[in-house]
Amino acid sequence: MPSLSPELLAILACPVPACHGPLELRGARLVCARCGLRYPVEERWPVLIPDEAEPPQEPEQRPT
């Protein structure tokens, strides 16, 4: 799992102009708390390019 300093995480935000939500480190991805886009972290470098972001994960379906 990549490690990013708390200071860096505190200033990072989603680069999508209509969003700019805070990012949370989840595994090897930075996940936007607002829009849900998932940005990879490669060799400790966040790749904050919206066109390369993964779409939000679907909520898990629970059996009814």
PDB file of N, CA and C in Angstrom:
ATOM      1  N   MET A   1       0.854  -1.174   0.000  1.00  0.00           N
ATOM      2  CA  MET A   1       0.000   0.000   0.000  1.00  0.00           C
ATOM      3  C   MET A   1       0.898   1.234   0.000  1.00  0.00           C
ATOM      4  N   PRO A   2       0.599   2.195  -0.862  1.00  0.00           N
ATOM      5  CA  PRO A   2       1.419   3.403  -0.888  1.00  0.00           C
ATOM      6  C   PRO A   2       1.198   4.236   0.371  1.00  0.00           C
ATOM      7  N   SER A   3       2.210   4.989   0.726  1.00  0.00           N
ATOM      8  CA  SER A   3       2.054   5.880   1.870  1.00  0.00           C
ATOM      9  C   SER A   3       2.232   7.314   1.392  1.00  0.00           C
ATOM     10  N   LEU A   4       1.323   8.145   1.809  1.00  0.00           N
ATOM     11  CA  LEU A   4       1.393   9.577   1.514  1.00  0.00           C
ATOM     12  C   LEU A   4       1.390  10.307   2.844  1.00  0.00           C
ATOM     13  N   SER A   5       2.133  11.368   2.919  1.00  0.00           N
ATOM     14  CA  SER A   5       2.207  12.096   4.179  1.00  0.00           C
ATOM     15  C   SER A   5       0.854  12.731   4.514  1.00  0.00           C
ATOM     16  N   PRO A   6       0.547  12.829   5.787  1.00  0.00           N
ATOM     17  CA  PRO A   6      -0.699  13.484   6.194  1.00  0.00           C
ATOM     18  C   PRO A   6      -0.774  14.929   5.698  1.00  0.00           C
ATOM     19  N   GLU A   7       0.372  15.586   5.620  1.00  0.00           N
ATOM     20  CA  GLU A   7       0.395  16.972   5.144  1.00  0.00           C
ATOM     21  C   GLU A   7      -0.041  17.050   3.678  1.00  0.00           C
ATOM     22  N   LEU A   8       0.427  16.099   2.864  1.00  0.00           N
ATOM     23  CA  LEU A   8       0.034  16.075   1.453  1.00  0.00           C
ATOM     24  C   LEU A   8      -1.442  15.755   1.319  1.00  0.00           C
ATOM     25  N   LEU A   9      -1.910  14.754   2.047  1.00  0.00           N
ATOM     26  CA  LEU A   9      -3.330  14.403   1.977  1.00  0.00           C
ATOM     27  C   LEU A   9      -4.235  15.567   2.379  1.00  0.00           C
ATOM     28  N   ALA A  10      -3.769  16.382   3.308  1.00  0.00           N
ATOM     29  CA  ALA A  10      -4.581  17.512   3.785  1.00  0.00           C
ATOM     30  C   ALA A  10      -4.798  18.570   2.714  1.00  0.00           C
ATOM     31  N   ILE A  11      -3.891  18.667   1.735  1.00  0.00           N
ATOM     32  CA  ILE A  11      -4.027  19.725   0.721  1.00  0.00           C
ATOM     33  C   ILE A  11      -4.529  19.205  -0.622  1.00  0.00           C
ATOM     34  N   LEU A  12      -4.576  17.880  -0.800  1.00  0.00           N
ATOM     35  CA  LEU A  12      -5.047  17.337  -2.071  1.00  0.00           C
ATOM     36  C   LEU A  12      -6.561  17.448  -2.179  1.00  0.00           C
ATOM     37  N   ALA A  13      -7.031  17.711  -3.403  1.00  0.00           N
ATOM     38  CA  ALA A  13      -8.461  17.766  -3.672  1.00  0.00           C
ATOM     39  C   ALA A  13      -8.712  17.192  -5.060  1.00  0.00           C
ATOM     40  N   CYS A  14      -9.915  16.760  -5.289  1.00  0.00           N
ATOM     41  CA  CYS A  14     -10.306  16.231  -6.587  1.00  0.00           C
ATOM     42  C   CYS A  14     -10.072  17.315  -7.644  1.00  0.00           C
ATOM     43  N   PRO A  15      -9.420  16.957  -8.765  1.00  0.00           N
ATOM     44  CA  PRO A  15      -9.123  17.960  -9.780  1.00  0.00           C
ATOM     45  C   PRO A  15     -10.293  18.282 -10.715  1.00  0.00           C
ATOM     46  N   VAL A  16     -11.416  17.616 -10.570  1.00  0.00           N
ATOM     47  CA  VAL A  16     -12.571  17.893 -11.428  1.00  0.00           C
ATOM     48  C   VAL A  16     -13.110  19.273 -11.051  1.00  0.00           C
ATOM     49  N   PRO A  17     -13.190  20.194 -12.028  1.00  0.00           N
ATOM     50  CA  PRO A  17     -13.589  21.574 -11.705  1.00  0.00           C
ATOM     51  C   PRO A  17     -14.928  21.700 -10.975  1.00  0.00           C
ATOM     52  N   ALA A  18     -15.879  20.861 -11.281  1.00  0.00           N
ATOM     53  CA  ALA A  18     -17.194  20.970 -10.641  1.00  0.00           C
ATOM     54  C   ALA A  18     -17.239  20.291  -9.274  1.00  0.00           C
ATOM     55  N   CYS A  19     -16.134  19.708  -8.837  1.00  0.00           N
ATOM     56  CA  CYS A  19     -16.141  18.936  -7.586  1.00  0.00           C
ATOM     57  C   CYS A  19     -15.216  19.537  -6.524  1.00  0.00           C
ATOM     58  N   HIS A  20     -13.909  19.352  -6.690  1.00  0.00           N
ATOM     59  CA  HIS A  20     -12.881  19.783  -5.730  1.00  0.00           C
ATOM     60  C   HIS A  20     -13.093  19.211  -4.325  1.00  0.00           C
ATOM     61  N   GLY A  21     -13.651  17.996  -4.263  1.00  0.00           N
ATOM     62  CA  GLY A  21     -13.877  17.341  -2.976  1.00  0.00           C
ATOM     63  C   GLY A  21     -12.584  16.838  -2.357  1.00  0.00           C
ATOM     64  N   PRO A  22     -12.593  16.559  -1.066  1.00  0.00           N
ATOM     65  CA  PRO A  22     -11.398  16.029  -0.400  1.00  0.00           C
ATOM     66  C   PRO A  22     -11.123  14.597  -0.857  1.00  0.00           C
ATOM     67  N   LEU A  23      -9.850  14.214  -0.844  1.00  0.00           N
ATOM     68  CA  LEU A  23      -9.443  12.875  -1.246  1.00  0.00           C
ATOM     69  C   LEU A  23      -9.041  12.065  -0.026  1.00  0.00           C
ATOM     70  N   GLU A  24      -9.415  10.783  -0.032  1.00  0.00           N
ATOM     71  CA  GLU A  24      -9.087   9.863   1.056  1.00  0.00           C
ATOM     72  C   GLU A  24      -8.275   8.720   0.474  1.00  0.00           C
ATOM     73  N   LEU A  25      -7.223   8.310   1.150  1.00  0.00           N
ATOM     74  CA  LEU A  25      -6.410   7.193   0.707  1.00  0.00           C
ATOM     75  C   LEU A  25      -7.092   5.891   1.095  1.00  0.00           C
ATOM     76  N   ARG A  26      -7.416   5.070   0.080  1.00  0.00           N
ATOM     77  CA  ARG A  26      -8.029   3.754   0.297  1.00  0.00           C
ATOM     78  C   ARG A  26      -7.251   2.745  -0.528  1.00  0.00           C
ATOM     79  N   GLY A  27      -6.426   1.984   0.126  1.00  0.00           N
ATOM     80  CA  GLY A  27      -5.582   1.028  -0.580  1.00  0.00           C
ATOM     81  C   GLY A  27      -4.583   1.769  -1.452  1.00  0.00           C
ATOM     82  N   ALA A  28      -4.558   1.449  -2.733  1.00  0.00           N
ATOM     83  CA  ALA A  28      -3.636   2.092  -3.674  1.00  0.00           C
ATOM     84  C   ALA A  28      -4.347   3.158  -4.502  1.00  0.00           C
ATOM     85  N   ARG A  29      -5.429   3.705  -3.966  1.00  0.00           N
ATOM     86  CA  ARG A  29      -6.210   4.718  -4.675  1.00  0.00           C
ATOM     87  C   ARG A  29      -6.514   5.896  -3.761  1.00  0.00           C
ATOM     88  N   LEU A  30      -6.604   7.076  -4.364  1.00  0.00           N
ATOM     89  CA  LEU A  30      -7.161   8.242  -3.685  1.00  0.00           C
ATOM     90  C   LEU A  30      -8.598   8.349  -4.165  1.00  0.00           C
ATOM     91  N   VAL A  31      -9.542   8.355  -3.247  1.00  0.00           N
ATOM     92  CA  VAL A  31     -10.956   8.356  -3.584  1.00  0.00           C
ATOM     93  C   VAL A  31     -11.557   9.692  -3.173  1.00  0.00           C
ATOM     94  N   CYS A  32     -12.260  10.312  -4.114  1.00  0.00           N
ATOM     95  CA  CYS A  32     -12.919  11.585  -3.816  1.00  0.00           C
ATOM     96  C   CYS A  32     -14.140  11.319  -2.943  1.00  0.00           C
ATOM     97  N   ALA A  33     -14.213  12.012  -1.819  1.00  0.00           N
ATOM     98  CA  ALA A  33     -15.333  11.844  -0.887  1.00  0.00           C
ATOM     99  C   ALA A  33     -16.620  12.431  -1.452  1.00  0.00           C
ATOM    100  N   ARG A  34     -16.526  13.296  -2.444  1.00  0.00           N
ATOM    101  CA  ARG A  34     -17.717  13.946  -2.993  1.00  0.00           C
ATOM    102  C   ARG A  34     -18.235  13.216  -4.239  1.00  0.00           C
ATOM    103  N   CYS A  35     -17.391  13.043  -5.278  1.00  0.00           N
ATOM    104  CA  CYS A  35     -17.876  12.459  -6.537  1.00  0.00           C
ATOM    105  C   CYS A  35     -17.552  10.979  -6.678  1.00  0.00           C
ATOM    106  N   GLY A  36     -16.646  10.455  -5.851  1.00  0.00           N
ATOM    107  CA  GLY A  36     -16.339   9.030  -5.860  1.00  0.00           C
ATOM    108  C   GLY A  36     -15.296   8.580  -6.867  1.00  0.00           C
ATOM    109  N   LEU A  37     -14.774   9.492  -7.700  1.00  0.00           N
ATOM    110  CA  LEU A  37     -13.731   9.082  -8.640  1.00  0.00           C
ATOM    111  C   LEU A  37     -12.534   8.548  -7.872  1.00  0.00           C
ATOM    112  N   ARG A  38     -11.859   7.549  -8.468  1.00  0.00           N
ATOM    113  CA  ARG A  38     -10.736   6.890  -7.803  1.00  0.00           C
ATOM    114  C   ARG A  38      -9.476   7.111  -8.625  1.00  0.00           C
ATOM    115  N   TYR A  39      -8.489   7.750  -8.016  1.00  0.00           N
ATOM    116  CA  TYR A  39      -7.229   8.089  -8.672  1.00  0.00           C
ATOM    117  C   TYR A  39      -6.130   7.154  -8.183  1.00  0.00           C
ATOM    118  N   PRO A  40      -5.369   6.550  -9.116  1.00  0.00           N
ATOM    119  CA  PRO A  40      -4.300   5.639  -8.690  1.00  0.00           C
ATOM    120  C   PRO A  40      -3.131   6.391  -8.068  1.00  0.00           C
ATOM    121  N   VAL A  41      -2.413   5.688  -7.208  1.00  0.00           N
ATOM    122  CA  VAL A  41      -1.155   6.190  -6.652  1.00  0.00           C
ATOM    123  C   VAL A  41      -0.082   5.239  -7.169  1.00  0.00           C
ATOM    124  N   GLU A  42       0.799   5.755  -8.005  1.00  0.00           N
ATOM    125  CA  GLU A  42       1.842   4.936  -8.626  1.00  0.00           C
ATOM    126  C   GLU A  42       3.204   5.360  -8.116  1.00  0.00           C
ATOM    127  N   GLU A  43       3.893   4.423  -7.486  1.00  0.00           N
ATOM    128  CA  GLU A  43       5.218   4.681  -6.918  1.00  0.00           C
ATOM    129  C   GLU A  43       5.217   5.919  -6.023  1.00  0.00           C
ATOM    130  N   ARG A  44       4.216   5.986  -5.152  1.00  0.00           N
ATOM    131  CA  ARG A  44       4.026   7.076  -4.175  1.00  0.00           C
ATOM    132  C   ARG A  44       3.659   8.405  -4.810  1.00  0.00           C
ATOM    133  N   TRP A  45       3.289   8.427  -6.105  1.00  0.00           N
ATOM    134  CA  TRP A  45       2.876   9.652  -6.790  1.00  0.00           C
ATOM    135  C   TRP A  45       1.398   9.556  -7.143  1.00  0.00           C
ATOM    136  N   PRO A  46       0.565  10.467  -6.641  1.00  0.00           N
ATOM    137  CA  PRO A  46      -0.845  10.470  -7.025  1.00  0.00           C
ATOM    138  C   PRO A  46      -0.992  10.883  -8.491  1.00  0.00           C
ATOM    139  N   VAL A  47      -1.788  10.137  -9.231  1.00  0.00           N
ATOM    140  CA  VAL A  47      -2.061  10.460 -10.635  1.00  0.00           C
ATOM    141  C   VAL A  47      -3.438  11.128 -10.657  1.00  0.00           C
ATOM    142  N   LEU A  48      -3.447  12.451 -10.568  1.00  0.00           N
ATOM    143  CA  LEU A  48      -4.701  13.199 -10.456  1.00  0.00           C
ATOM    144  C   LEU A  48      -5.134  13.739 -11.817  1.00  0.00           C
ATOM    145  N   ILE A  49      -5.325  12.822 -12.760  1.00  0.00           N
ATOM    146  CA  ILE A  49      -5.775  13.173 -14.110  1.00  0.00           C
ATOM    147  C   ILE A  49      -7.190  12.616 -14.250  1.00  0.00           C
ATOM    148  N   PRO A  50      -8.196  13.487 -14.336  1.00  0.00           N
ATOM    149  CA  PRO A  50      -9.584  13.006 -14.374  1.00  0.00           C
ATOM    150  C   PRO A  50      -9.849  11.981 -15.473  1.00  0.00           C
ATOM    151  N   ASP A  51      -9.241  12.132 -16.643  1.00  0.00           N
ATOM    152  CA  ASP A  51      -9.466  11.172 -17.729  1.00  0.00           C
ATOM    153  C   ASP A  51      -8.902   9.791 -17.430  1.00  0.00           C
ATOM    154  N   GLU A  52      -7.982   9.689 -16.479  1.00  0.00           N
ATOM    155  CA  GLU A  52      -7.387   8.403 -16.115  1.00  0.00           C
ATOM    156  C   GLU A  52      -7.971   7.843 -14.821  1.00  0.00           C
ATOM    157  N   ALA A  53      -8.894   8.564 -14.216  1.00  0.00           N
ATOM    158  CA  ALA A  53      -9.510   8.113 -12.964  1.00  0.00           C
ATOM    159  C   ALA A  53     -10.471   6.960 -13.236  1.00  0.00           C
ATOM    160  N   GLU A  54     -10.642   6.116 -12.234  1.00  0.00           N
ATOM    161  CA  GLU A  54     -11.603   5.025 -12.311  1.00  0.00           C
ATOM    162  C   GLU A  54     -12.955   5.546 -11.828  1.00  0.00           C
ATOM    163  N   PRO A  55     -14.039   5.046 -12.408  1.00  0.00           N
ATOM    164  CA  PRO A  55     -15.360   5.512 -11.959  1.00  0.00           C
ATOM    165  C   PRO A  55     -15.635   5.082 -10.526  1.00  0.00           C
ATOM    166  N   PRO A  56     -16.613   5.709  -9.903  1.00  0.00           N
ATOM    167  CA  PRO A  56     -16.969   5.330  -8.530  1.00  0.00           C
ATOM    168  C   PRO A  56     -17.372   3.862  -8.470  1.00  0.00           C
ATOM    169  N   GLN A  57     -17.103   3.234  -7.343  1.00  0.00           N
ATOM    170  CA  GLN A  57     -17.526   1.848  -7.141  1.00  0.00           C
ATOM    171  C   GLN A  57     -19.010   1.841  -6.832  1.00  0.00           C
ATOM    172  N   GLU A  58     -19.674   0.825  -7.357  1.00  0.00           N
ATOM    173  CA  GLU A  58     -21.086   0.646  -7.047  1.00  0.00           C
ATOM    174  C   GLU A  58     -21.219   0.160  -5.609  1.00  0.00           C
ATOM    175  N   PRO A  59     -22.231   0.618  -4.904  1.00  0.00           N
ATOM    176  CA  PRO A  59     -22.433   0.094  -3.543  1.00  0.00           C
ATOM    177  C   PRO A  59     -22.688  -1.411  -3.620  1.00  0.00           C
ATOM    178  N   GLU A  60     -22.208  -2.119  -2.623  1.00  0.00           N
ATOM    179  CA  GLU A  60     -22.399  -3.565  -2.613  1.00  0.00           C
ATOM    180  C   GLU A  60     -23.876  -3.902  -2.498  1.00  0.00           C
ATOM    181  N   GLN A  61     -24.290  -4.837  -3.321  1.00  0.00           N
ATOM    182  CA  GLN A  61     -25.686  -5.314  -3.263  1.00  0.00           C
ATOM    183  C   GLN A  61     -25.778  -6.382  -2.192  1.00  0.00           C
ATOM    184  N   ARG A  62     -26.680  -6.212  -1.273  1.00  0.00           N
ATOM    185  CA  ARG A  62     -26.866  -7.190  -0.220  1.00  0.00           C
ATOM    186  C   ARG A  62     -28.094  -8.035  -0.568  1.00  0.00           C
ATOM    187  N   PRO A  63     -28.010  -9.329  -0.338  1.00  0.00           N
ATOM    188  CA  PRO A  63     -29.166 -10.186  -0.617  1.00  0.00           C
ATOM    189  C   PRO A  63     -30.361  -9.761   0.224  1.00  0.00           C
ATOM    190  N   THR A  64     -31.533  -9.821  -0.370  1.00  0.00           N
ATOM    191  CA  THR A  64     -32.743  -9.446   0.373  1.00  0.00           C
ATOM    192  C   THR A  64     -33.536 -10.650   0.761  1.00  0.00           C
TER     193      THR A  64
END
